[in-house]
C-alpha atoms as a PDB file:
ATOM      1  CA  MET A   1      63.148 142.161 137.227  1.00  0.00           C
ATOM      2  CA  MET A   2      61.264 139.627 139.346  1.00  0.00           C
ATOM      3  CA  ARG A   3      58.842 137.509 137.302  1.00  0.00           C
ATOM      4  CA  TYR A   4      56.113 135.090 138.310  1.00  0.00           C
ATOM      5  CA  TRP A   5      58.025 132.148 136.822  1.00  0.00           C
ATOM      6  CA  GLY A   6      60.813 132.685 139.350  1.00  0.00           C
ATOM      7  CA  LEU A   7      58.639 131.167 142.061  1.00  0.00           C
ATOM      8  CA  ASP A   8      58.957 127.797 140.360  1.00  0.00           C
ATOM      9  CA  PHE A   9      62.529 127.720 141.772  1.00  0.00           C
ATOM     10  CA  ILE A  10      62.422 129.657 145.064  1.00  0.00           C
ATOM     11  CA  ARG A  11      62.037 128.081 148.511  1.00  0.00           C
ATOM     12  CA  CYS A  12      61.891 129.721 151.916  1.00  0.00           C
ATOM     13  CA  LEU A  13      65.424 130.170 153.243  1.00  0.00           C
ATOM     14  CA  HIS A  14      64.323 129.504 156.799  1.00  0.00           C
ATOM     15  CA  CYS A  15      62.101 126.399 156.576  1.00  0.00           C
ATOM     16  CA  LYS A  16      62.571 125.325 152.904  1.00  0.00           C
ATOM     17  CA  ASN A  17      58.805 125.517 152.263  1.00  0.00           C
ATOM     18  CA  TYR A  18      57.676 125.540 148.615  1.00  0.00           C
ATOM     19  CA  PRO A  19      55.992 127.332 146.968  1.00  0.00           C
ATOM     20  CA  LEU A  20      56.087 130.778 148.475  1.00  0.00           C
ATOM     21  CA  LYS A  21      53.118 133.090 148.057  1.00  0.00           C
ATOM     22  CA  LEU A  22      53.693 136.110 145.814  1.00  0.00           C
ATOM     23  CA  ILE A  23      51.979 139.384 146.624  1.00  0.00           C
ATOM     24  CA  PRO A  24      52.610 141.816 143.749  1.00  0.00           C
ATOM     25  CA  LEU A  25      52.252 145.459 144.792  1.00  0.00           C
ATOM     26  CA  GLU A  26      53.560 147.260 141.722  1.00  0.00           C
ATOM     27  CA  THR A  27      53.953 145.637 138.315  1.00  0.00           C
ATOM     28  CA  ILE A  28      55.036 146.722 134.866  1.00  0.00           C
ATOM     29  CA  GLU A  29      54.164 145.175 131.548  1.00  0.00           C
ATOM     30  CA  GLU A  30      57.000 144.772 129.068  1.00  0.00           C
ATOM     31  CA  ASP A  31      57.312 143.470 125.536  1.00  0.00           C
ATOM     32  CA  VAL A  32      58.885 140.020 125.676  1.00  0.00           C
ATOM     33  CA  ASP A  33      59.668 137.835 122.687  1.00  0.00           C
ATOM     34  CA  THR A  34      58.248 134.423 123.579  1.00  0.00           C
ATOM     35  CA  SER A  35      58.892 132.813 120.196  1.00  0.00           C
ATOM     36  CA  GLY A  36      60.778 129.567 120.501  1.00  0.00           C
ATOM     37  CA  LEU A  37      59.832 129.003 124.147  1.00  0.00           C
ATOM     38  CA  GLU A  38      58.237 125.747 125.203  1.00  0.00           C
ATOM     39  CA  PHE A  39      55.112 126.173 127.348  1.00  0.00           C
ATOM     40  CA  PRO A  40      54.347 125.814 130.122  1.00  0.00           C
ATOM     41  CA  LEU A  41      57.600 127.464 131.088  1.00  0.00           C
ATOM     42  CA  CYS A  42      57.146 126.555 134.749  1.00  0.00           C
ATOM     43  CA  ARG A  43      57.519 122.881 135.573  1.00  0.00           C
ATOM     44  CA  ASN A  44      55.939 122.526 139.019  1.00  0.00           C
ATOM     45  CA  TYR A  45      54.048 125.651 140.071  1.00  0.00           C
ATOM     46  CA  CYS A  46      52.306 128.486 138.216  1.00  0.00           C
ATOM     47  CA  ALA A  47      52.571 131.557 140.461  1.00  0.00           C
ATOM     48  CA  TYR A  48      50.546 133.627 137.990  1.00  0.00           C
ATOM     49  CA  LEU A  49      47.529 131.354 138.559  1.00  0.00           C
ATOM     50  CA  ASP A  50      48.661 130.296 142.057  1.00  0.00           C
ATOM     51  CA  LYS A  51      48.319 126.584 141.377  1.00  0.00           C
ATOM     52  CA  PRO A  52      50.407 123.485 140.623  1.00  0.00           C
ATOM     53  CA  ILE A  53      51.236 122.677 136.986  1.00  0.00           C
ATOM     54  CA  LYS A  54      49.167 119.788 135.635  1.00  0.00           C
ATOM     55  CA  GLN A  55      50.075 117.852 132.499  1.00  0.00           C
ATOM     56  CA  GLY A  56      47.789 118.620 129.564  1.00  0.00           C
ATOM     57  CA  GLU A  57      46.457 121.946 130.907  1.00  0.00           C
ATOM     58  CA  THR A  58      46.954 125.266 129.121  1.00  0.00           C
ATOM     59  CA  TYR A  59      48.619 128.163 130.914  1.00  0.00           C
ATOM     60  CA  PRO A  60      48.794 131.919 130.111  1.00  0.00           C
ATOM     61  CA  CYS A  61      52.599 131.918 129.854  1.00  0.00           C
ATOM     62  CA  GLU A  62      52.785 134.547 127.100  1.00  0.00           C
ATOM     63  CA  LYS A  63      50.819 137.011 129.229  1.00  0.00           C
ATOM     64  CA  CYS A  64      52.631 136.062 132.451  1.00  0.00           C
ATOM     65  CA  LEU A  65      56.113 136.548 130.982  1.00  0.00           C
ATOM     66  CA  ARG A  66      55.313 140.177 130.091  1.00  0.00           C
ATOM     67  CA  ILE A  67      54.640 141.108 133.712  1.00  0.00           C
ATOM     68  CA  GLY A  68      57.535 142.260 135.859  1.00  0.00           C
ATOM     69  CA  ILE A  69      57.092 142.652 139.607  1.00  0.00           C
ATOM     70  CA  LYS A  70      58.686 145.925 140.592  1.00  0.00           C
ATOM     71  CA  GLU A  71      57.501 145.945 144.214  1.00  0.00           C
ATOM     72  CA  GLY A  72      56.018 143.077 146.193  1.00  0.00           C
ATOM     73  CA  VAL A  73      56.492 140.387 148.805  1.00  0.00           C
ATOM     74  CA  LEU A  74      57.269 136.693 148.832  1.00  0.00           C
ATOM     75  CA  TYR A  75      55.588 135.135 151.872  1.00  0.00           C
ATOM     76  CA  CYS A  76      56.053 131.750 153.531  1.00  0.00           C
ATOM     77  CA  PRO A  77      52.777 130.731 155.193  1.00  0.00           C
ATOM     78  CA  LYS A  78      54.562 127.915 157.056  1.00  0.00           C
ATOM     79  CA  CYS A  79      57.062 129.980 159.083  1.00  0.00           C
ATOM     80  CA  LYS A  80      55.549 133.464 158.459  1.00  0.00           C
ATOM     81  CA  ARG A  81      58.730 134.893 156.945  1.00  0.00           C
ATOM     82  CA  TRP A  82      58.379 137.511 154.256  1.00  0.00           C
ATOM     83  CA  TYR A  83      60.906 138.689 151.710  1.00  0.00           C
ATOM     84  CA  PRO A  84      60.564 142.107 150.057  1.00  0.00           C
ATOM     85  CA  ILE A  85      60.799 142.770 146.337  1.00  0.00           C
ATOM     86  CA  LYS A  86      62.193 146.269 145.745  1.00  0.00           C
ATOM     87  CA  ASN A  87      62.896 147.771 142.331  1.00  0.00           C
ATOM     88  CA  GLY A  88      62.417 144.317 140.794  1.00  0.00           C
ATOM     89  CA  ILE A  89      64.962 142.613 143.083  1.00  0.00           C
ATOM     90  CA  VAL A  90      63.994 139.903 145.582  1.00  0.00           C
ATOM     91  CA  TYR A  91      65.772 140.352 148.900  1.00  0.00           C
ATOM     92  CA  LEU A  92      65.834 136.672 149.825  1.00  0.00           C
ATOM     93  CA  LEU A  93      68.080 136.965 152.865  1.00  0.00           C
ATOM     94  CA  ARG A  94      68.474 135.090 156.138  1.00  0.00           C
ATOM     95  CA  ASP A  95      67.189 136.891 159.235  1.00  0.00           C
ATOM     96  CA  ASN A  96      70.676 137.892 160.411  1.00  0.00           C
ATOM     97  CA  LYS A  97      71.408 139.540 157.040  1.00  0.00           C
ATOM     98  CA  ARG A  98      68.200 141.608 156.949  1.00  0.00           C
ATOM     99  CA  ARG A  99      68.168 145.329 157.754  1.00  0.00           C
ATOM    100  CA  LYS A 100      65.417 145.991 160.296  1.00  0.00           C
ATOM    101  CA  GLU A 101      65.077 149.687 159.465  1.00  0.00           C
ATOM    102  CA  SER A 102      64.679 148.950 155.756  1.00  0.00           C
ATOM    103  CA  ASP A 103      62.123 146.176 156.367  1.00  0.00           C
ATOM    104  CA  ILE A 104      60.047 148.357 158.729  1.00  0.00           C
ATOM    105  CA  GLU A 105      60.125 151.220 156.218  1.00  0.00           C
ATOM    106  CA  PHE A 106      58.904 148.818 153.496  1.00  0.00           C
ATOM    107  CA  LEU A 107      56.061 147.554 155.717  1.00  0.00           C
ATOM    108  CA  LYS A 108      54.985 151.108 156.578  1.00  0.00           C
ATOM    109  CA  LYS A 109      54.933 152.071 152.908  1.00  0.00           C
ATOM    110  CA  TRP A 110      52.786 149.094 151.839  1.00  0.00           C
ATOM    111  CA  LYS A 111      50.811 148.231 155.008  1.00  0.00           C
ATOM    112  CA  ASP A 112      47.464 149.166 153.461  1.00  0.00           C
ATOM    113  CA  ARG A 113      48.022 146.762 150.553  1.00  0.00           C
ATOM    114  CA  LEU A 114      49.657 143.850 152.362  1.00  0.00           C
ATOM    115  CA  PRO A 115      47.821 141.107 154.270  1.00  0.00           C
ATOM    116  CA  LYS A 116      47.616 141.837 158.003  1.00  0.00           C
ATOM    117  CA  GLU A 117      49.424 138.570 158.838  1.00  0.00           C
ATOM    118  CA  ILE A 118      52.528 139.971 157.135  1.00  0.00           C
ATOM    119  CA  VAL A 119      52.253 143.518 158.482  1.00  0.00           C
ATOM    120  CA  TYR A 120      51.518 142.558 162.105  1.00  0.00           C
ATOM    121  CA  GLU A 121      52.749 138.955 162.478  1.00  0.00           C
ATOM    122  CA  GLY A 122      55.374 138.476 159.754  1.00  0.00           C
ATOM    123  CA  LEU A 123      58.935 137.512 160.534  1.00  0.00           C
ATOM    124  CA  PRO A 124      61.631 138.524 161.093  1.00  0.00           C
ATOM    125  CA  TYR A 125      60.097 141.984 161.533  1.00  0.00           C
ATOM    126  CA  ASN A 126      56.568 143.359 161.701  1.00  0.00           C
ATOM    127  CA  LEU A 127      54.887 146.557 162.814  1.00  0.00           C
ATOM    128  CA  SER A 128      53.474 145.005 166.016  1.00  0.00           C
ATOM    129  CA  SER A 129      56.893 143.974 167.309  1.00  0.00           C
ATOM    130  CA  THR A 130      58.303 147.459 166.838  1.00  0.00           C
ATOM    131  CA  GLY A 131      55.380 149.529 168.080  1.00  0.00           C
ATOM    132  CA  ASN A 132      55.169 151.104 164.608  1.00  0.00           C
ATOM    133  CA  ASP A 133      51.756 151.028 163.028  1.00  0.00           C
END
């Protein structure tokens, strides 16, 4: 299951930009044993709060770790590429490995909840480039 803390490690495959923006569309809350963990768990970037980690600050790691992202998008604002999260799995694939039909279907399903820059301008596929809105 995709978790917020995963963004501390993920870069855009196309342009290597970091951090990517997470847009959760469907989440689930699970019981997670956080005993014995050192906080903050993330070292550079807190995706849950959408801000860099600063020494000496307190972060809601125990709450964050309980949230799984079942459906969502990772978005690179630098090159406009988006990567779908389906059934808790991030499809972080290069453009030539992506399935256009699957990506368009995903955009159609979530277009009312996704930012317009992803739906109509996102790469490698968007609804404007296919005539599907």
